[in-house]
């Protein structure tokens, strides 16, 4: 298996999607107090989801960067020393 195939396989394994879903329904009559409360709850939920998602995204990015660096080092180590002089 070539390095490119290994890299592709590693990236496919790393693709994990996390979603936070906000459920919406049709409401026909709502008082202004209820509307404000629902908007506040929706905003709080979005902020919480972002707070939870950002560290996970950073961690995955760092893992992919490390994997890529390791593969580049492995590629450099496998090149014959005389080829770079041509």
C-alpha atoms as a PDB file:
ATOM      1  CA  UNK A   1       0.000   0.000   0.000  1.00  0.00           C
ATOM      2  CA  UNK A   2       1.521   3.348  -1.017  1.00  0.00           C
ATOM      3  CA  UNK A   3       1.889   6.321   1.311  1.00  0.00           C
ATOM      4  CA  UNK A   4      -0.779   8.177  -0.626  1.00  0.00           C
ATOM      5  CA  UNK A   5      -3.229   5.318  -0.062  1.00  0.00           C
ATOM      6  CA  UNK A   6      -2.369   5.251   3.633  1.00  0.00           C
ATOM      7  CA  UNK A   7      -2.913   9.006   3.877  1.00  0.00           C
ATOM      8  CA  UNK A   8      -6.246   8.768   2.095  1.00  0.00           C
ATOM      9  CA  UNK A   9      -7.351   5.922   4.365  1.00  0.00           C
ATOM     10  CA  UNK A  10      -6.303   7.861   7.494  1.00  0.00           C
ATOM     11  CA  UNK A  11      -8.228  10.949   6.358  1.00  0.00           C
ATOM     12  CA  UNK A  12     -11.331   8.876   5.670  1.00  0.00           C
ATOM     13  CA  UNK A  13     -11.166   7.462   9.188  1.00  0.00           C
ATOM     14  CA  UNK A  14     -10.754  10.963  10.613  1.00  0.00           C
ATOM     15  CA  UNK A  15     -13.933  12.292   9.000  1.00  0.00           C
ATOM     16  CA  UNK A  16     -16.377  12.424  11.883  1.00  0.00           C
ATOM     17  CA  UNK A  17     -19.228  14.867  11.841  1.00  0.00           C
ATOM     18  CA  UNK A  18     -20.763  16.184  15.022  1.00  0.00           C
ATOM     19  CA  UNK A  19     -23.970  18.078  14.724  1.00  0.00           C
ATOM     20  CA  UNK A  20     -26.187  19.800  17.189  1.00  0.00           C
ATOM     21  CA  UNK A  21     -29.683  19.974  15.900  1.00  0.00           C
ATOM     22  CA  UNK A  22     -32.185  22.601  16.925  1.00  0.00           C
ATOM     23  CA  UNK A  23     -35.716  21.371  16.504  1.00  0.00           C
ATOM     24  CA  UNK A  24     -38.222  23.843  15.151  1.00  0.00           C
ATOM     25  CA  UNK A  25     -41.961  23.572  14.825  1.00  0.00           C
ATOM     26  CA  UNK A  26     -44.637  25.801  13.440  1.00  0.00           C
ATOM     27  CA  UNK A  27     -46.333  27.904  16.083  1.00  0.00           C
ATOM     28  CA  UNK A  28     -49.249  30.075  15.133  1.00  0.00           C
ATOM     29  CA  UNK A  29     -49.887  32.179  18.245  1.00  0.00           C
ATOM     30  CA  UNK A  30     -47.204  33.127  20.727  1.00  0.00           C
ATOM     31  CA  UNK A  31     -47.120  35.940  23.246  1.00  0.00           C
ATOM     32  CA  UNK A  32     -44.188  38.331  23.074  1.00  0.00           C
ATOM     33  CA  UNK A  33     -42.870  36.988  26.407  1.00  0.00           C
ATOM     34  CA  UNK A  34     -42.931  33.426  25.090  1.00  0.00           C
ATOM     35  CA  UNK A  35     -41.256  34.510  21.864  1.00  0.00           C
ATOM     36  CA  UNK A  36     -38.469  36.279  23.758  1.00  0.00           C
ATOM     37  CA  UNK A  37     -37.943  33.248  26.007  1.00  0.00           C
ATOM     38  CA  UNK A  38     -37.780  30.871  23.029  1.00  0.00           C
ATOM     39  CA  UNK A  39     -35.285  33.117  21.244  1.00  0.00           C
ATOM     40  CA  UNK A  40     -33.143  33.309  24.386  1.00  0.00           C
ATOM     41  CA  UNK A  41     -33.180  29.519  24.791  1.00  0.00           C
ATOM     42  CA  UNK A  42     -32.292  29.041  21.130  1.00  0.00           C
ATOM     43  CA  UNK A  43     -29.375  31.473  21.418  1.00  0.00           C
ATOM     44  CA  UNK A  44     -28.110  29.763  24.580  1.00  0.00           C
ATOM     45  CA  UNK A  45     -28.264  26.349  22.910  1.00  0.00           C
ATOM     46  CA  UNK A  46     -26.342  27.604  19.859  1.00  0.00           C
ATOM     47  CA  UNK A  47     -23.638  29.111  22.067  1.00  0.00           C
ATOM     48  CA  UNK A  48     -23.330  25.877  24.053  1.00  0.00           C
ATOM     49  CA  UNK A  49     -23.036  23.797  20.872  1.00  0.00           C
ATOM     50  CA  UNK A  50     -20.308  26.097  19.550  1.00  0.00           C
ATOM     51  CA  UNK A  51     -18.407  25.926  22.837  1.00  0.00           C
ATOM     52  CA  UNK A  52     -18.502  22.130  22.675  1.00  0.00           C
ATOM     53  CA  UNK A  53     -17.650  21.871  18.971  1.00  0.00           C
ATOM     54  CA  UNK A  54     -14.658  24.219  18.762  1.00  0.00           C
ATOM     55  CA  UNK A  55     -12.310  22.187  21.035  1.00  0.00           C
ATOM     56  CA  UNK A  56     -13.237  18.988  19.161  1.00  0.00           C
ATOM     57  CA  UNK A  57     -12.517  20.617  15.810  1.00  0.00           C
ATOM     58  CA  UNK A  58      -9.158  21.930  17.052  1.00  0.00           C
ATOM     59  CA  UNK A  59      -8.190  18.511  18.404  1.00  0.00           C
ATOM     60  CA  UNK A  60      -8.997  16.780  15.113  1.00  0.00           C
ATOM     61  CA  UNK A  61      -7.109  19.435  13.153  1.00  0.00           C
ATOM     62  CA  UNK A  62      -4.019  18.977  15.328  1.00  0.00           C
ATOM     63  CA  UNK A  63      -4.226  15.199  14.858  1.00  0.00           C
ATOM     64  CA  UNK A  64      -4.392  15.590  11.084  1.00  0.00           C
ATOM     65  CA  UNK A  65      -1.448  18.023  11.095  1.00  0.00           C
ATOM     66  CA  UNK A  66       0.654  15.588  13.163  1.00  0.00           C
ATOM     67  CA  UNK A  67      -0.289  12.708  10.868  1.00  0.00           C
ATOM     68  CA  UNK A  68       0.657  14.747   7.805  1.00  0.00           C
ATOM     69  CA  UNK A  69       4.006  15.749   9.343  1.00  0.00           C
ATOM     70  CA  UNK A  70       4.788  12.129  10.194  1.00  0.00           C
ATOM     71  CA  UNK A  71       3.996  11.062   6.657  1.00  0.00           C
ATOM     72  CA  UNK A  72       6.192  13.817   5.194  1.00  0.00           C
ATOM     73  CA  UNK A  73       9.088  12.745   7.434  1.00  0.00           C
ATOM     74  CA  UNK A  74       8.573   9.132   6.389  1.00  0.00           C
ATOM     75  CA  UNK A  75       8.554  10.165   2.714  1.00  0.00           C
ATOM     76  CA  UNK A  76      11.808  12.141   3.144  1.00  0.00           C
ATOM     77  CA  UNK A  77      13.459   9.197   4.882  1.00  0.00           C
ATOM     78  CA  UNK A  78      12.570   6.790   2.080  1.00  0.00           C
ATOM     79  CA  UNK A  79      14.113   8.866  -0.761  1.00  0.00           C
ATOM     80  CA  UNK A  80      17.512   7.710  -2.054  1.00  0.00           C
ATOM     81  CA  UNK A  81      20.205  10.299  -1.163  1.00  0.00           C
ATOM     82  CA  UNK A  82      21.533  10.577  -4.769  1.00  0.00           C
ATOM     83  CA  UNK A  83      18.235  11.644  -6.375  1.00  0.00           C
ATOM     84  CA  UNK A  84      18.215  15.160  -4.914  1.00  0.00           C
ATOM     85  CA  UNK A  85      21.525  16.066  -6.614  1.00  0.00           C
ATOM     86  CA  UNK A  86      20.180  15.652 -10.148  1.00  0.00           C
END
